[in-house]
Amino acid sequence: MNVWDKIAEDISAATGEAFSIDEQRGVGGGCINDATRVHGGGRSYFVKLNSADQLDMFRAEAEGLAEMAAAKAVRVPEPVCYGTAGAQAYLVMEDLDLGGHESGELLGRQLAEMHRTTRAQFGWHRDNTIGSTPQINTPSDDWVEFWREHRLGFQLELAARHGHGGALQRSGERLMAEMGAFFTDHHPEASLLHGDLWSGNYAATGEGEPVIFDPAVYYGDREADIAMTELFGGFPRAFYSAYNEAWPLDAGYKVRKVFYNLYHILNHLNLFGGGYASQAGRMIDQLLAELR
């Protein structure tokens, strides 16, 4: 059975209504997965494809979408099914019309509400991925230790394996040894996080309803989500105003956002190489200067 016949069969089983594919349209824009919209009988679905060994990545994404949907705060695409056919893995989701516009204000309020969904421990019940990089979510009672071991430490170790050692590793180790100083007056709750919330993972329906997608879900400091919204173009100003009105950030966020975004810059170094090494080095130096 080819992959499209298997996808149609799984959609039929998941929805309880027979489905056959009449048309497929490729969707551009992704750098990790291939994406296609499938149509048939007046219904359409959004399908992600990758190699069969990436099935667990899709399973984790489906679970992350379900976790955010359960918070009943921000709209996410509903996962339909996932599986493998031959050499390919797939994830099928609700196909949303994302051609609308929203000022960011509603998303700011809704994200603050999602962040009020909390757990007793940081992390999650399973690991997932950030881009295509493994993201370790082993639960912990200690946020500083969690971030040191499973975020910065993990990415710095990957960077060393990829040939980015030397000064980056030395300054990174200094930062990890002293990072507790950023949390002397900040004791975050374990909030439900999207985990990869940059502008490319946010859109709005034709009716102007915010939608977030492509998550790397875990429970952690809500500042980590807000920090990433400031990378790679940023979100509308109305988003930050509405979020801070709903749940204000404290003054220390201005420093900690660099600390949290270092994780993503290191991940981009590990995924893409290039100038991210110097950017990561500058961020570490900036953070170390705050500790002097």
Protein backbone atom coordinates (compact mmCIF):
# COMPACT_ATOMS: atom_id res chain seq x y z
CA MET A 1 0.00 0.00 0.00
CA ASN A 2 1.44 3.38 -0.96
CA VAL A 3 1.66 6.22 1.53
CA TRP A 4 -1.39 8.12 0.24
CA ASP A 5 -3.65 5.07 0.33
CA LYS A 6 -2.47 4.38 3.89
CA ILE A 7 -3.09 8.00 4.91
CA ALA A 8 -6.61 7.88 3.48
CA GLU A 9 -7.27 4.60 5.29
CA ASP A 10 -6.03 6.03 8.61
CA ILE A 11 -8.08 9.22 8.19
CA SER A 12 -11.16 7.08 7.57
CA ALA A 13 -10.49 5.03 10.71
CA ALA A 14 -9.73 8.08 12.87
CA THR A 15 -12.77 10.08 11.79
CA GLY A 16 -15.23 7.22 11.39
CA GLU A 17 -16.09 8.49 7.91
CA ALA A 18 -14.75 7.05 4.66
CA PHE A 19 -12.19 9.31 3.00
CA SER A 20 -10.39 9.04 -0.31
CA ILE A 21 -7.88 11.48 -1.76
CA ASP A 22 -8.92 13.23 -4.95
CA GLU A 23 -6.21 15.90 -5.01
CA GLN A 24 -2.83 16.63 -3.41
CA ARG A 25 -1.15 20.03 -3.26
CA GLY A 26 2.37 20.56 -1.98
CA VAL A 27 2.88 23.29 0.63
CA GLY A 28 6.16 25.20 0.79
CA GLY A 29 7.90 26.86 3.71
CA GLY A 30 9.05 24.01 5.94
CA CYS A 31 12.72 23.12 6.40
CA ILE A 32 12.30 19.93 8.47
CA ASN A 33 9.31 18.15 6.90
CA ASP A 34 7.53 18.05 3.56
CA ALA A 35 3.92 19.23 3.71
CA THR A 36 0.91 18.52 1.52
CA ARG A 37 -2.78 19.36 1.58
CA VAL A 38 -5.05 16.49 0.58
CA HIS A 39 -8.62 16.97 -0.60
CA GLY A 40 -11.51 14.60 -1.16
CA GLY A 41 -15.27 14.59 -0.85
CA GLY A 42 -15.42 18.19 0.34
CA ARG A 43 -12.90 17.58 3.14
CA SER A 44 -9.26 18.55 3.39
CA TYR A 45 -6.37 17.73 5.71
CA PHE A 46 -2.82 19.01 6.26
CA VAL A 47 -0.20 16.25 6.06
CA LYS A 48 3.44 16.34 7.16
CA LEU A 49 5.85 13.76 5.75
CA ASN A 50 9.30 12.63 6.78
CA SER A 51 11.33 9.42 6.82
CA ALA A 52 9.85 6.46 8.70
CA ASP A 53 12.43 6.73 11.47
CA GLN A 54 10.93 10.12 12.40
CA LEU A 55 7.57 8.66 13.45
CA ASP A 56 8.25 9.40 17.12
CA MET A 57 8.80 13.07 16.26
CA PHE A 58 5.32 13.17 14.76
CA ARG A 59 3.84 11.27 17.70
CA ALA A 60 5.35 13.83 20.08
CA GLU A 61 4.02 16.70 17.97
CA ALA A 62 0.52 15.22 18.02
CA GLU A 63 0.70 14.81 21.80
CA GLY A 64 1.95 18.39 22.16
CA LEU A 65 -0.91 19.76 20.08
CA ALA A 66 -3.37 17.77 22.19
CA GLU A 67 -1.76 19.08 25.41
CA MET A 68 -2.18 22.69 24.28
CA ALA A 69 -5.72 22.08 23.01
CA ALA A 70 -6.68 20.68 26.43
CA ALA A 71 -5.75 24.02 28.01
CA LYS A 72 -8.64 25.60 26.04
CA ALA A 73 -6.75 28.86 25.65
CA VAL A 74 -5.20 29.16 22.15
CA ARG A 75 -6.42 27.42 18.99
CA VAL A 76 -4.14 24.74 17.58
CA PRO A 77 -4.63 22.43 14.59
CA GLU A 78 -6.32 19.24 15.76
CA PRO A 79 -4.16 16.13 15.17
CA VAL A 80 -6.07 13.43 13.28
CA CYS A 81 -3.68 10.47 12.95
CA TYR A 82 -0.05 9.51 12.38
CA GLY A 83 1.77 6.43 11.17
CA THR A 84 4.14 4.96 8.62
CA ALA A 85 3.87 3.54 5.13
CA GLY A 86 6.99 2.03 3.64
CA ALA A 87 9.88 4.45 4.01
CA GLN A 88 7.74 7.40 5.12
CA ALA A 89 6.18 8.65 8.34
CA TYR A 90 3.25 11.03 8.33
CA LEU A 91 1.20 13.25 10.62
CA VAL A 92 -2.30 14.28 9.54
CA MET A 93 -3.88 17.40 11.04
CA GLU A 94 -6.89 19.61 10.67
CA ASP A 95 -6.48 21.88 7.66
CA LEU A 96 -7.10 25.46 8.77
CA ASP A 97 -7.51 28.55 6.62
CA LEU A 98 -4.64 30.64 7.93
CA GLY A 99 -4.97 33.59 5.61
CA GLY A 100 -6.40 36.03 8.14
CA HIS A 101 -4.94 38.85 10.21
CA GLU A 102 -4.94 39.44 13.96
CA SER A 103 -3.24 42.34 15.72
CA GLY A 104 -1.59 40.09 18.32
CA GLU A 105 -3.72 41.42 21.16
CA LEU A 106 -5.96 38.36 21.40
CA LEU A 107 -3.00 36.00 21.17
CA GLY A 108 -1.28 37.87 24.02
CA ARG A 109 -4.28 37.32 26.29
CA GLN A 110 -4.76 33.74 25.20
CA LEU A 111 -1.09 32.79 25.64
CA ALA A 112 -1.11 34.23 29.17
CA GLU A 113 -4.12 32.01 29.86
CA MET A 114 -2.35 28.94 28.43
CA HIS A 115 0.66 29.68 30.63
CA ARG A 116 -1.62 29.50 33.67
CA THR A 117 -1.90 25.77 32.99
CA THR A 118 0.77 24.44 35.35
CA ARG A 119 2.22 21.18 36.67
CA ALA A 120 4.16 20.26 39.79
CA GLN A 121 7.39 19.57 37.86
CA PHE A 122 9.33 21.11 35.00
CA GLY A 123 9.68 19.08 31.81
CA TRP A 124 7.10 16.75 30.34
CA HIS A 125 6.09 13.09 30.35
CA ARG A 126 8.10 12.46 27.18
CA ASP A 127 10.96 13.86 25.10
CA ASN A 128 10.31 15.60 21.79
CA THR A 129 12.26 17.71 19.30
CA ILE A 130 13.17 21.35 18.79
CA GLY A 131 13.41 21.57 15.02
CA SER A 132 14.94 18.18 14.33
CA THR A 133 17.15 18.24 17.45
CA PRO A 134 16.18 15.97 20.36
CA GLN A 135 14.72 17.92 23.28
CA ILE A 136 15.04 16.16 26.63
CA ASN A 137 12.13 16.73 29.01
CA THR A 138 12.94 14.48 31.97
CA PRO A 139 10.78 15.90 34.81
CA SER A 140 12.57 17.88 37.53
CA ASP A 141 11.65 19.84 40.65
CA ASP A 142 14.56 22.25 40.05
CA TRP A 143 14.18 24.66 37.13
CA VAL A 144 17.79 25.86 37.18
CA GLU A 145 19.10 22.30 37.13
CA PHE A 146 16.62 21.34 34.40
CA TRP A 147 17.77 24.21 32.18
CA ARG A 148 21.45 23.60 32.92
CA GLU A 149 21.30 19.90 32.10
CA HIS A 150 18.57 19.51 29.46
CA ARG A 151 18.77 22.82 27.60
CA LEU A 152 22.10 24.71 27.66
CA GLY A 153 24.27 21.76 28.64
CA PHE A 154 22.71 19.49 26.03
CA GLN A 155 23.12 22.06 23.24
CA LEU A 156 26.70 22.91 24.22
CA GLU A 157 27.60 19.23 24.17
CA LEU A 158 26.11 18.90 20.68
CA ALA A 159 28.06 21.98 19.58
CA ALA A 160 31.30 20.43 20.80
CA ARG A 161 30.54 17.28 18.80
CA HIS A 162 29.97 19.46 15.74
CA GLY A 163 33.39 21.08 16.14
CA HIS A 164 32.38 24.22 18.02
CA GLY A 165 34.59 23.87 21.07
CA GLY A 166 37.23 26.13 22.55
CA ALA A 167 36.11 29.55 23.76
CA LEU A 168 32.41 28.80 23.26
CA GLN A 169 32.63 25.77 25.52
CA ARG A 170 34.72 27.51 28.17
CA SER A 171 32.44 30.53 28.42
CA GLY A 172 29.36 28.29 28.26
CA GLU A 173 30.61 26.22 31.19
CA ARG A 174 31.19 29.40 33.19
CA LEU A 175 27.65 30.54 32.45
CA MET A 176 26.16 27.20 33.49
CA ALA A 177 28.12 27.25 36.74
CA GLU A 178 26.82 30.72 37.64
CA MET A 179 23.35 30.72 36.06
CA GLY A 180 21.59 30.40 39.42
CA ALA A 181 22.31 34.10 39.95
CA PHE A 182 19.61 34.95 37.40
CA PHE A 183 17.02 33.26 39.60
CA THR A 184 17.70 34.63 43.08
CA ASP A 185 14.48 36.68 42.95
CA HIS A 186 12.66 34.75 40.24
CA HIS A 187 10.96 31.47 41.06
CA PRO A 188 8.98 30.38 38.00
CA GLU A 189 6.03 28.05 37.95
CA ALA A 190 6.03 25.08 35.58
CA SER A 191 3.76 26.59 32.92
CA LEU A 192 2.58 24.88 29.75
CA LEU A 193 4.86 26.18 26.98
CA HIS A 194 4.63 25.99 23.21
CA GLY A 195 8.41 25.70 23.27
CA ASP A 196 9.20 26.95 19.74
CA LEU A 197 7.10 30.09 19.56
CA TRP A 198 8.61 32.25 16.82
CA SER A 199 6.63 34.26 14.29
CA GLY A 200 6.66 31.45 11.73
CA ASN A 201 4.66 29.24 14.10
CA TYR A 202 1.82 31.72 14.57
CA ALA A 203 -0.97 32.74 12.16
CA ALA A 204 -4.66 33.63 12.19
CA THR A 205 -7.73 32.12 10.60
CA GLY A 206 -9.82 34.02 8.08
CA GLU A 207 -12.00 35.11 11.01
CA GLY A 208 -8.97 36.53 12.85
CA GLU A 209 -8.64 33.75 15.43
CA PRO A 210 -5.00 33.21 16.50
CA VAL A 211 -3.52 29.76 15.82
CA ILE A 212 -0.18 28.38 17.05
CA PHE A 213 1.40 25.22 15.64
CA ASP A 214 4.65 23.23 15.24
CA PRO A 215 5.17 22.99 19.03
CA ALA A 216 8.04 21.67 21.14
CA VAL A 217 5.87 21.39 24.26
CA TYR A 218 7.09 21.14 27.85
CA TYR A 219 6.38 22.78 31.22
CA GLY A 220 8.74 25.56 32.24
CA ASP A 221 9.24 29.27 32.87
CA ARG A 222 6.71 31.21 30.80
CA GLU A 223 9.44 33.77 30.10
CA ALA A 224 11.08 31.21 27.80
CA ASP A 225 8.08 31.32 25.44
CA ILE A 226 7.90 35.11 25.49
CA ALA A 227 11.65 35.40 24.91
CA MET A 228 11.48 33.34 21.75
CA THR A 229 8.72 35.52 20.34
CA GLU A 230 11.35 38.27 20.21
CA LEU A 231 13.68 36.23 17.98
CA PHE A 232 13.53 36.13 14.18
CA GLY A 233 11.33 39.15 13.56
CA GLY A 234 9.25 39.35 16.71
CA PHE A 235 5.50 39.53 17.29
CA PRO A 236 3.21 42.57 16.96
CA ARG A 237 3.57 45.20 19.69
CA ALA A 238 -0.05 44.63 20.68
CA PHE A 239 0.85 41.05 21.63
CA TYR A 240 3.34 42.16 24.30
CA SER A 241 1.05 44.86 25.67
CA ALA A 242 -1.86 42.42 26.01
CA TYR A 243 0.28 39.69 27.55
CA ASN A 244 1.75 42.05 30.15
CA GLU A 245 -1.68 43.40 30.97
CA ALA A 246 -2.96 39.86 31.54
CA TRP A 247 0.13 38.62 33.42
CA PRO A 248 2.98 41.13 33.82
CA LEU A 249 6.59 40.06 33.40
CA ASP A 250 9.03 41.31 36.02
CA ALA A 251 12.02 43.53 35.32
CA GLY A 252 14.51 40.65 35.32
CA TYR A 253 12.99 39.32 32.11
CA LYS A 254 15.05 41.82 30.09
CA VAL A 255 18.20 39.90 31.03
CA ARG A 256 16.72 36.43 31.21
CA LYS A 257 15.30 36.66 27.68
CA VAL A 258 18.89 36.62 26.38
CA PHE A 259 19.57 33.62 28.61
CA TYR A 260 16.55 31.73 27.27
CA ASN A 261 17.15 32.65 23.63
CA LEU A 262 20.71 31.37 23.87
CA TYR A 263 19.19 27.87 23.81
CA HIS A 264 17.58 28.53 20.44
CA ILE A 265 20.66 30.17 18.95
CA LEU A 266 22.76 27.19 20.04
CA ASN A 267 20.18 24.91 18.47
CA HIS A 268 20.39 26.88 15.22
CA LEU A 269 24.17 26.53 15.40
CA ASN A 270 23.78 22.77 15.73
CA LEU A 271 21.22 22.59 12.91
CA PHE A 272 22.64 25.10 10.43
CA GLY A 273 26.15 26.14 11.53
CA GLY A 274 27.35 29.44 10.08
CA GLY A 275 27.31 32.69 12.01
CA TYR A 276 25.31 31.33 14.91
CA ALA A 277 28.56 30.43 16.72
CA SER A 278 29.63 34.07 16.99
CA GLN A 279 26.10 35.13 17.95
CA ALA A 280 26.00 32.51 20.71
CA GLY A 281 29.41 33.66 21.94
CA ARG A 282 28.26 37.28 22.12
CA MET A 283 25.14 36.29 24.06
CA ILE A 284 27.17 34.30 26.58
CA ASP A 285 29.58 37.22 27.04
CA GLN A 286 26.63 39.58 27.57
CA LEU A 287 25.18 37.28 30.23
CA LEU A 288 28.51 36.81 31.99
CA ALA A 289 28.94 40.60 32.07
CA GLU A 290 25.63 40.83 33.97
CA LEU A 291 27.12 38.61 36.68
CA ARG A 292 30.21 40.71 37.34
